[in-house]
Amino acid sequence: MPATTFDWWDGALSAFPYVEQPKDKLRPILILSSAAYNASHDVVVAPMITSATGERRTSDLDIKDLQSAGLDRRSRVRWKIFTLPADVIERQLGCLSHLDRACAIQRLSAIFPMRDTDQEVRT
């Protein structure tokens, strides 16, 4: 499926290569990059979505609206952010709800503070 069909906040199913396994495994991801970026680079920027049964990290985001996200079990966004070639994405699952998006933005802002909090200009 071409990356131009994906936009930020879309959940998708993607093939992941594993070193210890002979074949790829399909895993959910959350698209963070815009449709324009995806189309011009043939990649997406995404963190992984994992089941909510294992160890929880303080930065993990529990997805509240599973139906909107297209997920069938309790899941969380784990902020291991990577780029993937568009051609390994199998299909769209859903899209984060507005509430889950707001929570994701808060987590991303804590991880990547995008404003300069210092008074002086950095060069």
Protein backbone atom coordinates (compact mmCIF):
# COMPACT_ATOMS: atom_id res chain seq x y z
CA MET A 1 0.00 0.00 0.00
CA PRO A 2 1.51 3.40 -0.88
CA ALA A 3 2.51 5.70 1.98
CA THR A 4 0.50 8.57 0.51
CA THR A 5 -2.63 6.97 1.94
CA PHE A 6 -1.27 7.30 5.51
CA ASP A 7 -1.31 10.42 7.63
CA TRP A 8 -0.40 11.25 11.20
CA TRP A 9 -2.41 9.49 13.90
CA ASP A 10 -3.23 6.56 11.61
CA GLY A 11 -2.70 3.13 13.07
CA ALA A 12 -1.30 0.65 10.58
CA LEU A 13 -0.15 -2.95 10.38
CA SER A 14 3.45 -3.31 9.27
CA ALA A 15 5.94 -6.10 8.69
CA PHE A 16 8.87 -6.02 11.11
CA PRO A 17 12.12 -7.82 10.37
CA TYR A 18 13.56 -9.75 13.31
CA VAL A 19 17.17 -10.83 13.57
CA GLU A 20 16.33 -13.94 15.62
CA GLN A 21 13.47 -15.09 13.36
CA PRO A 22 13.65 -16.15 9.71
CA LYS A 23 10.54 -14.22 8.68
CA ASP A 24 8.93 -10.86 9.37
CA LYS A 25 6.15 -10.43 11.90
CA LEU A 26 3.15 -8.13 11.42
CA ARG A 27 2.94 -5.50 14.18
CA PRO A 28 0.81 -2.40 14.71
CA ILE A 29 2.41 1.04 14.47
CA LEU A 30 1.24 4.64 14.89
CA ILE A 31 2.03 6.96 11.99
CA LEU A 32 3.49 10.29 13.21
CA SER A 33 4.60 11.74 9.87
CA SER A 34 2.32 13.70 7.57
CA ALA A 35 0.93 12.38 4.31
CA ALA A 36 3.06 14.93 2.41
CA TYR A 37 6.25 13.72 4.11
CA ASN A 38 5.34 10.07 3.57
CA ALA A 39 4.65 10.64 -0.12
CA SER A 40 7.85 12.57 -0.77
CA HIS A 41 10.14 10.19 1.13
CA ASP A 42 8.44 6.78 0.65
CA VAL A 43 8.84 6.15 4.39
CA VAL A 44 6.77 6.75 7.51
CA VAL A 45 7.91 7.86 10.96
CA ALA A 46 6.28 5.77 13.65
CA PRO A 47 6.53 4.35 17.15
CA MET A 48 5.45 0.82 17.90
CA ILE A 49 2.11 -0.19 19.37
CA THR A 50 2.43 -3.08 21.79
CA SER A 51 0.04 -5.13 23.91
CA ALA A 52 -0.72 -3.71 27.33
CA THR A 53 0.10 -6.94 29.12
CA GLY A 54 3.84 -6.61 29.65
CA GLU A 55 6.04 -4.22 31.55
CA ARG A 56 4.78 -0.63 31.45
CA ARG A 57 7.23 2.22 30.95
CA THR A 58 6.47 5.65 32.36
CA SER A 59 6.36 7.17 28.87
CA ASP A 60 3.98 4.53 27.46
CA LEU A 61 0.59 5.77 26.31
CA ASP A 62 -2.34 3.46 26.99
CA ILE A 63 -4.76 3.72 24.07
CA LYS A 64 -8.24 4.35 25.51
CA ASP A 65 -10.38 4.16 22.36
CA LEU A 66 -9.37 0.82 20.89
CA GLN A 67 -12.22 0.75 18.40
CA SER A 68 -11.21 4.03 16.72
CA ALA A 69 -7.59 2.87 16.63
CA GLY A 70 -8.67 -0.39 14.98
CA LEU A 71 -7.22 -2.54 17.75
CA ASP A 72 -8.86 -5.61 19.24
CA ARG A 73 -7.00 -5.79 22.57
CA ARG A 74 -5.61 -3.47 25.21
CA SER A 75 -2.64 -1.71 23.65
CA ARG A 76 -0.17 1.08 24.29
CA VAL A 77 2.10 3.27 22.25
CA ARG A 78 5.73 2.64 23.10
CA TRP A 79 7.88 5.56 21.98
CA LYS A 80 10.52 3.56 20.13
CA ILE A 81 10.40 5.82 17.10
CA PHE A 82 11.75 4.68 13.74
CA THR A 83 11.32 5.07 10.01
CA LEU A 84 9.89 2.27 7.91
CA PRO A 85 9.74 1.92 4.14
CA ALA A 86 6.19 2.47 2.95
CA ASP A 87 6.14 -0.83 1.11
CA VAL A 88 6.28 -2.88 4.35
CA ILE A 89 2.96 -1.42 5.55
CA GLU A 90 0.20 -3.94 4.99
CA ARG A 91 -2.90 -1.85 5.76
CA GLN A 92 -4.48 0.85 7.87
CA LEU A 93 -6.06 -0.29 11.12
CA GLY A 94 -7.81 2.90 12.28
CA CYS A 95 -6.99 6.33 13.65
CA LEU A 96 -6.37 7.62 17.18
CA SER A 97 -9.36 9.32 18.77
CA HIS A 98 -9.14 13.02 19.67
CA LEU A 99 -8.66 12.14 23.34
CA ASP A 100 -5.83 9.69 22.57
CA ARG A 101 -4.26 12.25 20.20
CA ALA A 102 -4.25 14.88 22.95
CA CYS A 103 -2.55 12.43 25.30
CA ALA A 104 -0.03 11.49 22.60
CA ILE A 105 0.81 15.15 22.01
CA GLN A 106 1.47 15.59 25.73
CA ARG A 107 3.82 12.58 25.74
CA LEU A 108 5.60 13.74 22.59
CA SER A 109 6.02 17.23 24.06
CA ALA A 110 7.69 15.72 27.12
CA ILE A 111 10.01 13.62 24.96
CA PHE A 112 10.71 16.30 22.33
CA PRO A 113 10.28 19.79 23.77
CA MET A 114 9.91 21.82 20.59
CA ARG A 115 10.20 25.28 22.07
CA ASP A 116 13.33 26.88 23.37
CA THR A 117 12.86 27.49 27.06
CA ASP A 118 16.07 29.53 27.38
CA GLN A 119 15.89 33.30 27.02
CA GLU A 120 18.93 33.54 24.78
CA VAL A 121 18.95 32.50 21.16
CA ARG A 122 21.05 29.45 20.41
CA THR A 123 23.18 29.35 17.29
